[in-house]
Amino acid sequence: MELLIVVSPPRLFGSVTPERVLDLMKLDAATDRQAAPIDKVLDSFFEILGFPRLDSDAAVLKAIARGVREGKFGYVG
């Protein structure tokens, strides 16, 4: 694990920003894609090769919570 995190550039990350989630999922008010289910967002980070590799799904969930708190996107239950 240490080699994946410490090497330059790192291969495994412990966090992701809300802006990066929006960018990777291509969620934008100017496009037709304005929503995505959380399970789809989580799966994308572990299935799509171009996405950053995360050590757990908690990083994505924290980014979503932070994004909602900052008003970057909303959450519908």
PDB file of N, CA and C in Angstrom:
ATOM      1  N   MET A   1       0.823  -1.186   0.000  1.00  0.00           N
ATOM      2  CA  MET A   1       0.000   0.000   0.000  1.00  0.00           C
ATOM      3  C   MET A   1       0.869   1.251   0.000  1.00  0.00           C
ATOM      4  N   GLU A   2       1.924   1.209   0.793  1.00  0.00           N
ATOM      5  CA  GLU A   2       2.778   2.388   0.911  1.00  0.00           C
ATOM      6  C   GLU A   2       3.388   2.769  -0.435  1.00  0.00           C
ATOM      7  N   LEU A   3       3.803   1.798  -1.219  1.00  0.00           N
ATOM      8  CA  LEU A   3       4.379   2.096  -2.525  1.00  0.00           C
ATOM      9  C   LEU A   3       3.363   2.723  -3.464  1.00  0.00           C
ATOM     10  N   LEU A   4       2.108   2.335  -3.360  1.00  0.00           N
ATOM     11  CA  LEU A   4       1.074   2.907  -4.214  1.00  0.00           C
ATOM     12  C   LEU A   4       0.776   4.357  -3.863  1.00  0.00           C
ATOM     13  N   ILE A   5       0.931   4.712  -2.595  1.00  0.00           N
ATOM     14  CA  ILE A   5       0.600   6.064  -2.133  1.00  0.00           C
ATOM     15  C   ILE A   5       1.802   6.994  -2.192  1.00  0.00           C
ATOM     16  N   VAL A   6       2.986   6.476  -1.889  1.00  0.00           N
ATOM     17  CA  VAL A   6       4.174   7.323  -1.748  1.00  0.00           C
ATOM     18  C   VAL A   6       4.892   7.591  -3.061  1.00  0.00           C
ATOM     19  N   VAL A   7       4.839   6.672  -4.017  1.00  0.00           N
ATOM     20  CA  VAL A   7       5.573   6.868  -5.274  1.00  0.00           C
ATOM     21  C   VAL A   7       5.115   8.135  -5.976  1.00  0.00           C
ATOM     22  N   SER A   8       5.980   8.667  -6.792  1.00  0.00           N
ATOM     23  CA  SER A   8       5.633   9.882  -7.522  1.00  0.00           C
ATOM     24  C   SER A   8       5.462   9.542  -8.990  1.00  0.00           C
ATOM     25  N   PRO A   9       4.358   9.803  -9.609  1.00  0.00           N
ATOM     26  CA  PRO A   9       3.095  10.285  -9.036  1.00  0.00           C
ATOM     27  C   PRO A   9       2.375   9.158  -8.300  1.00  0.00           C
ATOM     28  N   PRO A  10       1.562   9.514  -7.307  1.00  0.00           N
ATOM     29  CA  PRO A  10       0.841   8.486  -6.552  1.00  0.00           C
ATOM     30  C   PRO A  10      -0.106   7.702  -7.449  1.00  0.00           C
ATOM     31  N   ARG A  11      -0.312   6.450  -7.137  1.00  0.00           N
ATOM     32  CA  ARG A  11      -1.198   5.578  -7.911  1.00  0.00           C
ATOM     33  C   ARG A  11      -2.524   5.333  -7.184  1.00  0.00           C
ATOM     34  N   LEU A  12      -2.573   5.668  -5.899  1.00  0.00           N
ATOM     35  CA  LEU A  12      -3.754   5.418  -5.088  1.00  0.00           C
ATOM     36  C   LEU A  12      -4.011   6.641  -4.221  1.00  0.00           C
ATOM     37  N   PHE A  13      -5.261   7.076  -4.166  1.00  0.00           N
ATOM     38  CA  PHE A  13      -5.602   8.295  -3.451  1.00  0.00           C
ATOM     39  C   PHE A  13      -6.579   8.007  -2.327  1.00  0.00           C
ATOM     40  N   GLY A  14      -6.525   8.834  -1.294  1.00  0.00           N
ATOM     41  CA  GLY A  14      -7.417   8.680  -0.151  1.00  0.00           C
ATOM     42  C   GLY A  14      -8.560   9.663  -0.153  1.00  0.00           C
ATOM     43  N   SER A  15      -8.569  10.586  -1.120  1.00  0.00           N
ATOM     44  CA  SER A  15      -9.646  11.576  -1.183  1.00  0.00           C
ATOM     45  C   SER A  15      -9.855  12.027  -2.625  1.00  0.00           C
ATOM     46  N   VAL A  16     -10.993  12.663  -2.836  1.00  0.00           N
ATOM     47  CA  VAL A  16     -11.338  13.230  -4.132  1.00  0.00           C
ATOM     48  C   VAL A  16     -12.166  14.477  -3.849  1.00  0.00           C
ATOM     49  N   THR A  17     -12.084  15.474  -4.707  1.00  0.00           N
ATOM     50  CA  THR A  17     -12.841  16.710  -4.486  1.00  0.00           C
ATOM     51  C   THR A  17     -14.201  16.643  -5.177  1.00  0.00           C
ATOM     52  N   PRO A  18     -15.164  17.413  -4.682  1.00  0.00           N
ATOM     53  CA  PRO A  18     -16.465  17.457  -5.357  1.00  0.00           C
ATOM     54  C   PRO A  18     -16.350  17.905  -6.811  1.00  0.00           C
ATOM     55  N   GLU A  19     -15.456  18.845  -7.078  1.00  0.00           N
ATOM     56  CA  GLU A  19     -15.263  19.326  -8.439  1.00  0.00           C
ATOM     57  C   GLU A  19     -14.788  18.204  -9.359  1.00  0.00           C
ATOM     58  N   ARG A  20     -13.929  17.351  -8.826  1.00  0.00           N
ATOM     59  CA  ARG A  20     -13.406  16.234  -9.622  1.00  0.00           C
ATOM     60  C   ARG A  20     -14.515  15.215  -9.905  1.00  0.00           C
ATOM     61  N   VAL A  21     -15.389  14.988  -8.919  1.00  0.00           N
ATOM     62  CA  VAL A  21     -16.522  14.086  -9.135  1.00  0.00           C
ATOM     63  C   VAL A  21     -17.409  14.634 -10.244  1.00  0.00           C
ATOM     64  N   LEU A  22     -17.715  15.916 -10.196  1.00  0.00           N
ATOM     65  CA  LEU A  22     -18.544  16.531 -11.235  1.00  0.00           C
ATOM     66  C   LEU A  22     -17.889  16.407 -12.600  1.00  0.00           C
ATOM     67  N   ASP A  23     -16.601  16.670 -12.650  1.00  0.00           N
ATOM     68  CA  ASP A  23     -15.868  16.612 -13.915  1.00  0.00           C
ATOM     69  C   ASP A  23     -15.825  15.193 -14.475  1.00  0.00           C
ATOM     70  N   LEU A  24     -15.487  14.233 -13.649  1.00  0.00           N
ATOM     71  CA  LEU A  24     -15.377  12.849 -14.117  1.00  0.00           C
ATOM     72  C   LEU A  24     -16.717  12.265 -14.530  1.00  0.00           C
ATOM     73  N   MET A  25     -17.763  12.616 -13.815  1.00  0.00           N
ATOM     74  CA  MET A  25     -19.096  12.093 -14.132  1.00  0.00           C
ATOM     75  C   MET A  25     -19.777  12.919 -15.225  1.00  0.00           C
ATOM     76  N   LYS A  26     -19.125  13.990 -15.639  1.00  0.00           N
ATOM     77  CA  LYS A  26     -19.653  14.882 -16.675  1.00  0.00           C
ATOM     78  C   LYS A  26     -21.049  15.404 -16.315  1.00  0.00           C
ATOM     79  N   LEU A  27     -21.168  15.815 -15.046  1.00  0.00           N
ATOM     80  CA  LEU A  27     -22.415  16.402 -14.552  1.00  0.00           C
ATOM     81  C   LEU A  27     -22.292  17.912 -14.652  1.00  0.00           C
ATOM     82  N   ASP A  28     -23.199  18.529 -15.396  1.00  0.00           N
ATOM     83  CA  ASP A  28     -23.120  19.964 -15.626  1.00  0.00           C
ATOM     84  C   ASP A  28     -24.508  20.487 -15.955  1.00  0.00           C
ATOM     85  N   ALA A  29     -24.841  21.643 -15.429  1.00  0.00           N
ATOM     86  CA  ALA A  29     -26.146  22.246 -15.707  1.00  0.00           C
ATOM     87  C   ALA A  29     -26.284  22.602 -17.185  1.00  0.00           C
ATOM     88  N   ALA A  30     -25.172  22.803 -17.875  1.00  0.00           N
ATOM     89  CA  ALA A  30     -25.219  23.184 -19.291  1.00  0.00           C
ATOM     90  C   ALA A  30     -25.407  21.976 -20.216  1.00  0.00           C
ATOM     91  N   THR A  31     -25.279  20.777 -19.684  1.00  0.00           N
ATOM     92  CA  THR A  31     -25.438  19.579 -20.505  1.00  0.00           C
ATOM     93  C   THR A  31     -26.746  18.876 -20.155  1.00  0.00           C
ATOM     94  N   ASP A  32     -27.038  17.840 -20.894  1.00  0.00           N
ATOM     95  CA  ASP A  32     -28.237  17.057 -20.620  1.00  0.00           C
ATOM     96  C   ASP A  32     -28.075  16.197 -19.371  1.00  0.00           C
ATOM     97  N   ARG A  33     -26.856  15.939 -18.987  1.00  0.00           N
ATOM     98  CA  ARG A  33     -26.612  15.064 -17.834  1.00  0.00           C
ATOM     99  C   ARG A  33     -26.469  15.905 -16.574  1.00  0.00           C
ATOM    100  N   GLN A  34     -27.520  15.957 -15.774  1.00  0.00           N
ATOM    101  CA  GLN A  34     -27.516  16.771 -14.572  1.00  0.00           C
ATOM    102  C   GLN A  34     -27.670  15.953 -13.299  1.00  0.00           C
ATOM    103  N   ALA A  35     -27.819  14.638 -13.424  1.00  0.00           N
ATOM    104  CA  ALA A  35     -28.013  13.798 -12.249  1.00  0.00           C
ATOM    105  C   ALA A  35     -27.409  12.423 -12.474  1.00  0.00           C
ATOM    106  N   ALA A  36     -27.036  11.791 -11.370  1.00  0.00           N
ATOM    107  CA  ALA A  36     -26.521  10.425 -11.409  1.00  0.00           C
ATOM    108  C   ALA A  36     -26.781   9.785 -10.052  1.00  0.00           C
ATOM    109  N   PRO A  37     -27.227   8.545 -10.052  1.00  0.00           N
ATOM    110  CA  PRO A  37     -27.420   7.846  -8.776  1.00  0.00           C
ATOM    111  C   PRO A  37     -26.078   7.637  -8.066  1.00  0.00           C
ATOM    112  N   ILE A  38     -26.085   7.680  -6.750  1.00  0.00           N
ATOM    113  CA  ILE A  38     -24.845   7.536  -5.988  1.00  0.00           C
ATOM    114  C   ILE A  38     -24.182   6.192  -6.270  1.00  0.00           C
ATOM    115  N   ASP A  39     -24.955   5.132  -6.407  1.00  0.00           N
ATOM    116  CA  ASP A  39     -24.330   3.836  -6.676  1.00  0.00           C
ATOM    117  C   ASP A  39     -23.605   3.831  -8.015  1.00  0.00           C
ATOM    118  N   LYS A  40     -24.114   4.568  -8.996  1.00  0.00           N
ATOM    119  CA  LYS A  40     -23.442   4.691 -10.301  1.00  0.00           C
ATOM    120  C   LYS A  40     -22.129   5.471 -10.153  1.00  0.00           C
ATOM    121  N   VAL A  41     -22.164   6.534  -9.357  1.00  0.00           N
ATOM    122  CA  VAL A  41     -20.952   7.331  -9.120  1.00  0.00           C
ATOM    123  C   VAL A  41     -19.899   6.467  -8.430  1.00  0.00           C
ATOM    124  N   LEU A  42     -20.293   5.755  -7.379  1.00  0.00           N
ATOM    125  CA  LEU A  42     -19.356   4.883  -6.659  1.00  0.00           C
ATOM    126  C   LEU A  42     -18.776   3.813  -7.574  1.00  0.00           C
ATOM    127  N   ASP A  43     -19.643   3.142  -8.333  1.00  0.00           N
ATOM    128  CA  ASP A  43     -19.176   2.090  -9.243  1.00  0.00           C
ATOM    129  C   ASP A  43     -18.208   2.631 -10.284  1.00  0.00           C
ATOM    130  N   SER A  44     -18.453   3.829 -10.772  1.00  0.00           N
ATOM    131  CA  SER A  44     -17.591   4.420 -11.802  1.00  0.00           C
ATOM    132  C   SER A  44     -16.153   4.553 -11.331  1.00  0.00           C
ATOM    133  N   PHE A  45     -15.965   4.925 -10.065  1.00  0.00           N
ATOM    134  CA  PHE A  45     -14.605   5.101  -9.554  1.00  0.00           C
ATOM    135  C   PHE A  45     -13.837   3.787  -9.469  1.00  0.00           C
ATOM    136  N   PHE A  46     -14.540   2.678  -9.437  1.00  0.00           N
ATOM    137  CA  PHE A  46     -13.865   1.393  -9.322  1.00  0.00           C
ATOM    138  C   PHE A  46     -13.951   0.551 -10.593  1.00  0.00           C
ATOM    139  N   GLU A  47     -14.660   1.047 -11.619  1.00  0.00           N
ATOM    140  CA  GLU A  47     -14.803   0.283 -12.858  1.00  0.00           C
ATOM    141  C   GLU A  47     -14.183   0.959 -14.073  1.00  0.00           C
ATOM    142  N   ILE A  48     -14.145   2.273 -14.109  1.00  0.00           N
ATOM    143  CA  ILE A  48     -13.658   2.993 -15.288  1.00  0.00           C
ATOM    144  C   ILE A  48     -12.155   3.241 -15.142  1.00  0.00           C
ATOM    145  N   LEU A  49     -11.401   2.831 -16.129  1.00  0.00           N
ATOM    146  CA  LEU A  49      -9.943   2.898 -16.053  1.00  0.00           C
ATOM    147  C   LEU A  49      -9.401   4.320 -15.935  1.00  0.00           C
ATOM    148  N   GLY A  50     -10.052   5.309 -16.524  1.00  0.00           N
ATOM    149  CA  GLY A  50      -9.531   6.664 -16.505  1.00  0.00           C
ATOM    150  C   GLY A  50      -9.763   7.412 -15.196  1.00  0.00           C
ATOM    151  N   PHE A  51     -10.548   6.848 -14.308  1.00  0.00           N
ATOM    152  CA  PHE A  51     -10.830   7.497 -13.033  1.00  0.00           C
ATOM    153  C   PHE A  51      -9.678   7.256 -12.061  1.00  0.00           C
ATOM    154  N   PRO A  52      -9.468   8.187 -11.118  1.00  0.00           N
ATOM    155  CA  PRO A  52      -8.410   7.956 -10.133  1.00  0.00           C
ATOM    156  C   PRO A  52      -8.727   6.741  -9.260  1.00  0.00           C
ATOM    157  N   ARG A  53      -7.717   6.026  -8.871  1.00  0.00           N
ATOM    158  CA  ARG A  53      -7.881   4.860  -8.000  1.00  0.00           C
ATOM    159  C   ARG A  53      -7.947   5.336  -6.550  1.00  0.00           C
ATOM    160  N   LEU A  54      -8.986   4.915  -5.852  1.00  0.00           N
ATOM    161  CA  LEU A  54      -9.202   5.326  -4.465  1.00  0.00           C
ATOM    162  C   LEU A  54      -9.050   4.123  -3.550  1.00  0.00           C
ATOM    163  N   ASP A  55      -8.606   4.395  -2.324  1.00  0.00           N
ATOM    164  CA  ASP A  55      -8.415   3.293  -1.385  1.00  0.00           C
ATOM    165  C   ASP A  55      -9.726   2.776  -0.797  1.00  0.00           C
ATOM    166  N   SER A  56     -10.810   3.582  -0.861  1.00  0.00           N
ATOM    167  CA  SER A  56     -12.112   3.102  -0.390  1.00  0.00           C
ATOM    168  C   SER A  56     -13.222   3.984  -0.968  1.00  0.00           C
ATOM    169  N   ASP A  57     -14.436   3.499  -0.879  1.00  0.00           N
ATOM    170  CA  ASP A  57     -15.573   4.278  -1.370  1.00  0.00           C
ATOM    171  C   ASP A  57     -15.910   5.438  -0.439  1.00  0.00           C
ATOM    172  N   ALA A  58     -15.353   5.431   0.762  1.00  0.00           N
ATOM    173  CA  ALA A  58     -15.595   6.529   1.708  1.00  0.00           C
ATOM    174  C   ALA A  58     -15.113   7.867   1.145  1.00  0.00           C
ATOM    175  N   ALA A  59     -14.083   7.851   0.321  1.00  0.00           N
ATOM    176  CA  ALA A  59     -13.569   9.082  -0.275  1.00  0.00           C
ATOM    177  C   ALA A  59     -14.623   9.733  -1.172  1.00  0.00           C
ATOM    178  N   VAL A  60     -15.338   8.925  -1.933  1.00  0.00           N
ATOM    179  CA  VAL A  60     -16.381   9.447  -2.821  1.00  0.00           C
ATOM    180  C   VAL A  60     -17.564   9.956  -1.997  1.00  0.00           C
ATOM    181  N   LEU A  61     -17.944   9.207  -0.978  1.00  0.00           N
ATOM    182  CA  LEU A  61     -19.060   9.620  -0.134  1.00  0.00           C
ATOM    183  C   LEU A  61     -18.757  10.929   0.587  1.00  0.00           C
ATOM    184  N   LYS A  62     -17.525  11.097   1.047  1.00  0.00           N
ATOM    185  CA  LYS A  62     -17.124  12.358   1.683  1.00  0.00           C
ATOM    186  C   LYS A  62     -17.151  13.509   0.678  1.00  0.00           C
ATOM    187  N   ALA A  63     -16.734  13.252  -0.547  1.00  0.00           N
ATOM    188  CA  ALA A  63     -16.760  14.291  -1.588  1.00  0.00           C
ATOM    189  C   ALA A  63     -18.197  14.702  -1.894  1.00  0.00           C
ATOM    190  N   ILE A  64     -19.100  13.741  -1.924  1.00  0.00           N
ATOM    191  CA  ILE A  64     -20.510  14.054  -2.174  1.00  0.00           C
ATOM    192  C   ILE A  64     -21.070  14.882  -1.031  1.00  0.00           C
ATOM    193  N   ALA A  65     -20.796  14.478   0.203  1.00  0.00           N
ATOM    194  CA  ALA A  65     -21.279  15.236   1.365  1.00  0.00           C
ATOM    195  C   ALA A  65     -20.709  16.653   1.362  1.00  0.00           C
ATOM    196  N   ARG A  66     -19.430  16.783   1.054  1.00  0.00           N
ATOM    197  CA  ARG A  66     -18.804  18.114   1.002  1.00  0.00           C
ATOM    198  C   ARG A  66     -19.403  18.951  -0.124  1.00  0.00           C
ATOM    199  N   GLY A  67     -19.655  18.332  -1.273  1.00  0.00           N
ATOM    200  CA  GLY A  67     -20.249  19.043  -2.401  1.00  0.00           C
ATOM    201  C   GLY A  67     -21.645  19.545  -2.096  1.00  0.00           C
ATOM    202  N   VAL A  68     -22.436  18.742  -1.394  1.00  0.00           N
ATOM    203  CA  VAL A  68     -23.775  19.177  -0.989  1.00  0.00           C
ATOM    204  C   VAL A  68     -23.666  20.332  -0.003  1.00  0.00           C
ATOM    205  N   ARG A  69     -22.774  20.206   0.973  1.00  0.00           N
ATOM    206  CA  ARG A  69     -22.563  21.257   1.977  1.00  0.00           C
ATOM    207  C   ARG A  69     -22.139  22.573   1.333  1.00  0.00           C
ATOM    208  N   GLU A  70     -21.302  22.504   0.306  1.00  0.00           N
ATOM    209  CA  GLU A  70     -20.798  23.711  -0.369  1.00  0.00           C
ATOM    210  C   GLU A  70     -21.735  24.203  -1.459  1.00  0.00           C
ATOM    211  N   GLY A  71     -22.818  23.485  -1.730  1.00  0.00           N
ATOM    212  CA  GLY A  71     -23.775  23.917  -2.752  1.00  0.00           C
ATOM    213  C   GLY A  71     -23.339  23.612  -4.176  1.00  0.00           C
ATOM    214  N   LYS A  72     -22.399  22.725  -4.339  1.00  0.00           N
ATOM    215  CA  LYS A  72     -21.916  22.377  -5.683  1.00  0.00           C
ATOM    216  C   LYS A  72     -22.923  21.468  -6.395  1.00  0.00           C
ATOM    217  N   PHE A  73     -23.604  20.627  -5.633  1.00  0.00           N
ATOM    218  CA  PHE A  73     -24.664  19.790  -6.161  1.00  0.00           C
ATOM    219  C   PHE A  73     -25.602  19.396  -5.030  1.00  0.00           C
ATOM    220  N   GLY A  74     -26.722  18.812  -5.396  1.00  0.00           N
ATOM    221  CA  GLY A  74     -27.727  18.455  -4.413  1.00  0.00           C
ATOM    222  C   GLY A  74     -27.841  16.960  -4.255  1.00  0.00           C
ATOM    223  N   TYR A  75     -28.563  16.577  -3.241  1.00  0.00           N
ATOM    224  CA  TYR A  75     -28.809  15.179  -2.941  1.00  0.00           C
ATOM    225  C   TYR A  75     -30.297  14.978  -2.773  1.00  0.00           C
ATOM    226  N   VAL A  76     -30.836  13.986  -3.456  1.00  0.00           N
ATOM    227  CA  VAL A  76     -32.253  13.673  -3.344  1.00  0.00           C
ATOM    228  C   VAL A  76     -32.380  12.260  -2.799  1.00  0.00           C
ATOM    229  N   GLY A  77     -33.115  12.112  -1.718  1.00  0.00           N
ATOM    230  CA  GLY A  77     -33.268  10.802  -1.078  1.00  0.00           C
ATOM    231  C   GLY A  77     -34.485  10.074  -1.549  1.00  0.00           C
TER     232      GLY A  77
END
